[in-house]
């Protein structure tokens, strides 16, 4: 895909593309995203890096598109002309259960994934093999989900297109995310972690590790990372200053209660019969 990158960067620098030329180039980018040939972020030598040019290309697609009405069942919708709903067919080996789910063009959904209604997968997202996207769940723009991720009902994986260099949310292989959770602001959840029901994780919220007594925080130039095998539950901690301290007020604080063991694994094993 190096040729596609070079052509896009050259065209962007020149800035003299016609609409038809720009649409043709963007459609190449969109199809490359849908087939997994390019990604908005990827792991290089153990570290996640953002492919800035891909995010720039997505924004380019928004820029050149015009608002149009699209006839669709069960209802019409209104979106940019460059951003069609992705066609899901039997060849993709994805189960898209009826009831109002949508996979936007420019996202990748690998075979073996189950999408329960209603849920939404946005542009630039990458969903690897064997994932479960449960009802009322969101995979935001550019979010990256590894293999066998279970995203439970009403949970949200935050998206990000701007700023260009911002890290999207990364959920690595075999992560289990409980219901009504929210993972935002470029947080990384390392493989085999378990995020308990109702946990909210973002860049501003320190996570307390009950096994070490330390707080895990976002650092300058580095995202907040939930360690491999961590089991995280919702918790709170007392305020350390101000009137809140005097009044005994607590603020929200995710807690790593333990690290995954055989007992944890048995309680969250995905039922193979569902597949």
Protein backbone atom coordinates (compact mmCIF):
# COMPACT_ATOMS: atom_id res chain seq x y z
CA UNK A 1 0.00 0.00 0.00
CA UNK A 2 3.03 2.26 -0.16
CA UNK A 3 1.99 3.36 -3.66
CA UNK A 4 -1.46 4.40 -2.41
CA UNK A 5 0.12 6.36 0.42
CA UNK A 6 2.46 8.19 -1.94
CA UNK A 7 -0.31 9.02 -4.39
CA UNK A 8 -2.54 10.37 -1.66
CA UNK A 9 0.22 12.47 -0.09
CA UNK A 10 1.20 13.87 -3.51
CA UNK A 11 -2.40 14.69 -4.37
CA UNK A 12 -2.95 16.34 -0.98
CA UNK A 13 0.17 18.47 -1.38
CA UNK A 14 -0.85 19.63 -4.86
CA UNK A 15 -4.43 20.34 -3.85
CA UNK A 16 -5.70 20.52 -7.43
CA UNK A 17 -7.76 17.34 -7.72
CA UNK A 18 -11.15 17.46 -9.39
CA UNK A 19 -14.09 15.96 -7.48
CA UNK A 20 -14.04 12.82 -9.65
CA UNK A 21 -10.28 12.36 -9.21
CA UNK A 22 -10.56 12.90 -5.45
CA UNK A 23 -13.48 10.49 -5.18
CA UNK A 24 -11.62 7.79 -7.11
CA UNK A 25 -8.57 8.13 -4.87
CA UNK A 26 -10.62 8.14 -1.68
CA UNK A 27 -12.58 5.09 -2.80
CA UNK A 28 -9.28 3.22 -3.12
CA UNK A 29 -8.43 4.19 0.46
CA UNK A 30 -11.89 3.21 1.69
CA UNK A 31 -11.75 -0.21 0.03
CA UNK A 32 -8.22 -0.80 1.35
CA UNK A 33 -9.54 -0.10 4.86
CA UNK A 34 -12.50 -2.43 4.38
CA UNK A 35 -10.24 -5.28 3.29
CA UNK A 36 -7.71 -4.71 6.08
CA UNK A 37 -4.88 -3.84 3.71
CA UNK A 38 -4.34 -0.55 5.55
CA UNK A 39 -5.19 0.48 9.11
CA UNK A 40 -5.47 3.73 11.01
CA UNK A 41 -3.17 2.28 13.69
CA UNK A 42 -1.06 -0.84 13.93
CA UNK A 43 1.42 -2.57 16.19
CA UNK A 44 5.05 -2.14 15.14
CA UNK A 45 7.80 -3.85 17.18
CA UNK A 46 5.42 -4.21 20.11
CA UNK A 47 4.29 -0.57 20.09
CA UNK A 48 1.08 0.88 18.69
CA UNK A 49 1.59 3.65 16.13
CA UNK A 50 -0.87 5.88 14.29
CA UNK A 51 -0.84 5.90 10.49
CA UNK A 52 -1.43 9.61 10.10
CA UNK A 53 -1.85 9.52 6.35
CA UNK A 54 -4.77 7.10 6.63
CA UNK A 55 -6.60 9.36 9.07
CA UNK A 56 -5.87 12.31 6.78
CA UNK A 57 -7.36 10.36 3.89
CA UNK A 58 -10.55 9.68 5.88
CA UNK A 59 -10.90 13.38 6.67
CA UNK A 60 -10.30 14.09 2.99
CA UNK A 61 -13.25 11.84 2.20
CA UNK A 62 -15.46 13.85 4.53
CA UNK A 63 -14.24 17.09 2.97
CA UNK A 64 -14.98 16.24 -0.65
CA UNK A 65 -18.28 14.50 0.02
CA UNK A 66 -21.62 16.22 -0.42
CA UNK A 67 -24.69 15.59 1.70
CA UNK A 68 -27.14 13.29 -0.03
CA UNK A 69 -30.24 11.25 0.65
CA UNK A 70 -29.69 7.50 0.40
CA UNK A 71 -32.60 5.14 -0.10
CA UNK A 72 -32.27 2.14 2.18
CA UNK A 73 -34.41 -0.36 4.03
CA UNK A 74 -35.98 -0.05 6.52
CA UNK A 75 -35.44 3.72 6.31
CA UNK A 76 -33.63 6.33 4.27
CA UNK A 77 -30.62 8.17 5.67
CA UNK A 78 -28.61 11.31 4.96
CA UNK A 79 -24.82 11.29 4.81
CA UNK A 80 -21.81 12.35 2.76
CA UNK A 81 -21.73 10.91 -0.75
CA UNK A 82 -18.28 9.46 -0.10
CA UNK A 83 -19.33 7.38 2.92
CA UNK A 84 -21.71 4.55 1.99
CA UNK A 85 -22.85 1.88 4.39
CA UNK A 86 -20.58 -1.11 3.95
CA UNK A 87 -22.02 -4.06 2.09
CA UNK A 88 -21.93 -7.22 4.20
CA UNK A 89 -22.38 -10.48 2.29
CA UNK A 90 -21.93 -14.20 2.94
CA UNK A 91 -18.38 -14.16 1.62
CA UNK A 92 -17.31 -12.01 4.60
CA UNK A 93 -18.46 -14.76 7.03
CA UNK A 94 -19.79 -12.14 9.44
CA UNK A 95 -23.07 -12.62 11.30
CA UNK A 96 -25.02 -9.37 11.07
CA UNK A 97 -28.19 -10.06 13.06
CA UNK A 98 -31.26 -8.04 11.94
CA UNK A 99 -32.49 -5.12 13.99
CA UNK A 100 -30.83 -1.83 13.09
CA UNK A 101 -27.04 -2.36 13.17
CA UNK A 102 -24.78 -0.53 10.74
CA UNK A 103 -21.20 -0.97 9.54
CA UNK A 104 -19.93 2.19 7.93
CA UNK A 105 -17.81 2.09 4.80
CA UNK A 106 -14.08 2.29 5.48
CA UNK A 107 -14.11 -0.04 8.49
CA UNK A 108 -12.79 -3.60 8.65
CA UNK A 109 -14.76 -6.48 10.16
CA UNK A 110 -13.08 -9.88 10.05
CA UNK A 111 -14.77 -13.24 9.61
CA UNK A 112 -16.31 -14.93 12.61
CA UNK A 113 -17.51 -11.64 14.09
CA UNK A 114 -21.07 -11.43 15.42
CA UNK A 115 -22.86 -8.07 15.34
CA UNK A 116 -26.00 -7.94 17.49
CA UNK A 117 -28.67 -5.26 17.00
CA UNK A 118 -28.57 -2.37 17.29
CA UNK A 119 -24.85 -1.62 17.18
CA UNK A 120 -22.57 0.58 15.11
CA UNK A 121 -19.06 0.25 13.72
CA UNK A 122 -17.66 3.55 12.46
CA UNK A 123 -15.19 4.46 9.71
CA UNK A 124 -11.53 3.57 10.27
CA UNK A 125 -12.35 0.95 12.89
CA UNK A 126 -10.68 -2.47 12.77
CA UNK A 127 -12.48 -5.49 14.25
CA UNK A 128 -10.42 -8.68 14.11
CA UNK A 129 -11.58 -12.30 13.95
CA UNK A 130 -14.10 -13.86 16.31
CA UNK A 131 -15.35 -10.73 18.04
CA UNK A 132 -18.78 -10.28 19.61
CA UNK A 133 -20.27 -6.81 19.22
CA UNK A 134 -23.34 -6.95 21.43
CA UNK A 135 -26.55 -4.90 21.39
CA UNK A 136 -26.33 -1.11 21.73
CA UNK A 137 -22.52 -1.29 21.46
CA UNK A 138 -20.35 1.23 19.61
CA UNK A 139 -16.98 0.73 17.96
CA UNK A 140 -15.92 4.33 17.35
CA UNK A 141 -14.00 5.77 14.41
CA UNK A 142 -10.46 4.34 14.10
CA UNK A 143 -10.81 2.12 17.20
CA UNK A 144 -8.81 -1.10 16.96
CA UNK A 145 -10.19 -4.39 18.32
CA UNK A 146 -8.07 -7.53 18.40
CA UNK A 147 -9.12 -11.14 18.02
CA UNK A 148 -11.90 -12.65 20.15
CA UNK A 149 -12.87 -9.41 21.87
CA UNK A 150 -16.25 -9.52 23.60
CA UNK A 151 -17.88 -6.09 23.67
CA UNK A 152 -20.93 -6.47 25.87
CA UNK A 153 -24.27 -4.71 25.59
CA UNK A 154 -24.37 -0.90 25.77
CA UNK A 155 -20.58 -0.55 25.93
CA UNK A 156 -18.74 2.09 23.94
CA UNK A 157 -15.27 2.13 22.42
CA UNK A 158 -14.51 5.78 21.80
CA UNK A 159 -13.48 7.08 18.41
CA UNK A 160 -11.03 9.73 17.25
CA UNK A 161 -10.28 11.32 13.88
CA UNK A 162 -8.80 14.60 15.08
CA UNK A 163 -6.19 15.58 15.96
CA UNK A 164 -4.53 13.50 13.24
CA UNK A 165 -1.78 12.08 15.46
CA UNK A 166 -4.08 11.15 18.35
CA UNK A 167 -4.00 7.48 19.30
CA UNK A 168 -7.35 5.71 18.93
CA UNK A 169 -8.62 3.33 21.58
CA UNK A 170 -6.84 -0.02 21.32
CA UNK A 171 -8.40 -3.24 22.60
CA UNK A 172 -6.00 -6.15 22.20
CA UNK A 173 -6.71 -9.87 21.73
CA UNK A 174 -9.03 -11.85 24.04
CA UNK A 175 -10.23 -8.85 26.04
CA UNK A 176 -13.63 -9.14 27.72
CA UNK A 177 -15.53 -5.87 28.21
CA UNK A 178 -18.64 -6.03 30.39
CA UNK A 179 -21.93 -4.23 29.89
CA UNK A 180 -22.28 -0.44 30.07
CA UNK A 181 -18.54 0.19 29.92
CA UNK A 182 -16.80 3.08 28.18
CA UNK A 183 -13.20 3.12 26.95
CA UNK A 184 -12.12 6.55 25.67
CA UNK A 185 -9.30 8.99 24.87
CA UNK A 186 -6.82 6.61 23.29
CA UNK A 187 -6.61 4.18 26.20
CA UNK A 188 -4.96 0.83 25.48
CA UNK A 189 -6.36 -2.35 27.01
CA UNK A 190 -3.74 -5.07 26.75
CA UNK A 191 -4.52 -8.67 25.85
CA UNK A 192 -6.56 -10.97 28.08
CA UNK A 193 -7.73 -8.14 30.33
CA UNK A 194 -11.24 -8.19 31.80
CA UNK A 195 -13.16 -4.92 32.16
CA UNK A 196 -16.03 -5.36 34.62
CA UNK A 197 -19.55 -4.04 34.20
CA UNK A 198 -19.90 -0.27 34.29
CA UNK A 199 -16.19 0.59 34.21
CA UNK A 200 -15.26 3.89 32.54
CA UNK A 201 -11.65 4.33 31.44
CA UNK A 202 -10.24 7.52 29.93
CA UNK A 203 -7.02 9.46 29.89
CA UNK A 204 -7.90 11.61 32.87
CA UNK A 205 -8.86 8.88 35.32
CA UNK A 206 -6.07 7.11 37.24
CA UNK A 207 -6.54 3.38 37.75
CA UNK A 208 -5.64 1.90 41.13
CA UNK A 209 -3.82 -1.44 41.11
CA UNK A 210 -4.91 -3.20 44.29
CA UNK A 211 -2.19 -5.82 43.85
CA UNK A 212 0.65 -3.28 44.04
CA UNK A 213 -0.85 -0.24 45.76
CA UNK A 214 0.13 2.00 42.83
CA UNK A 215 -1.90 4.18 40.49
CA UNK A 216 -1.64 3.69 36.73
CA UNK A 217 -1.85 7.08 35.00
CA UNK A 218 -1.56 8.59 31.57
CA UNK A 219 1.94 10.01 31.07
CA UNK A 220 3.22 12.72 28.78
CA UNK A 221 3.30 11.32 25.27
CA UNK A 222 1.99 7.92 26.40
CA UNK A 223 -1.62 6.74 26.67
CA UNK A 224 -3.21 5.14 29.70
CA UNK A 225 -2.59 1.39 29.52
CA UNK A 226 -4.50 -1.39 31.28
CA UNK A 227 -1.97 -4.21 31.80
CA UNK A 228 -2.23 -7.66 30.28
CA UNK A 229 -4.52 -10.02 32.25
CA UNK A 230 -5.77 -7.24 34.54
CA UNK A 231 -9.27 -7.59 35.98
CA UNK A 232 -10.75 -4.11 36.40
CA UNK A 233 -13.88 -3.21 38.39
CA UNK A 234 -15.58 0.10 39.17
CA UNK A 235 -14.51 1.70 42.45
CA UNK A 236 -13.99 5.03 44.18
CA UNK A 237 -11.43 6.90 46.25
CA UNK A 238 -11.76 9.75 48.77
CA UNK A 239 -11.01 13.29 47.63
CA UNK A 240 -7.65 14.46 48.94
CA UNK A 241 -8.32 18.21 49.17
CA UNK A 242 -10.93 20.94 49.27
CA UNK A 243 -14.43 20.83 50.67
CA UNK A 244 -14.91 17.36 49.21
CA UNK A 245 -12.28 15.97 51.56
CA UNK A 246 -13.96 17.52 54.58
CA UNK A 247 -17.36 16.24 53.49
CA UNK A 248 -16.09 12.71 52.89
CA UNK A 249 -16.83 12.85 49.16
CA UNK A 250 -15.45 10.10 46.93
CA UNK A 251 -14.60 10.30 43.23
CA UNK A 252 -14.79 7.52 40.67
CA UNK A 253 -11.73 5.28 40.35
CA UNK A 254 -11.36 2.04 38.36
CA UNK A 255 -9.60 -0.66 40.38
CA UNK A 256 -7.48 -3.59 39.20
CA UNK A 257 -8.77 -6.07 41.72
CA UNK A 258 -6.56 -8.96 40.57
CA UNK A 259 -4.95 -10.51 37.51
CA UNK A 260 -6.69 -13.12 35.42
CA UNK A 261 -6.57 -16.75 36.56
CA UNK A 262 -8.32 -20.01 35.65
CA UNK A 263 -11.39 -19.07 37.68
CA UNK A 264 -11.73 -15.77 35.83
CA UNK A 265 -11.29 -17.49 32.48
CA UNK A 266 -14.09 -19.96 33.13
CA UNK A 267 -16.55 -17.21 34.10
CA UNK A 268 -16.10 -15.28 30.83
CA UNK A 269 -15.56 -18.08 28.31
CA UNK A 270 -17.50 -17.40 25.12
CA UNK A 271 -20.01 -20.08 24.22
CA UNK A 272 -18.80 -21.80 21.03
CA UNK A 273 -22.32 -23.01 20.27
CA UNK A 274 -23.32 -19.39 19.59
CA UNK A 275 -20.92 -19.35 16.67
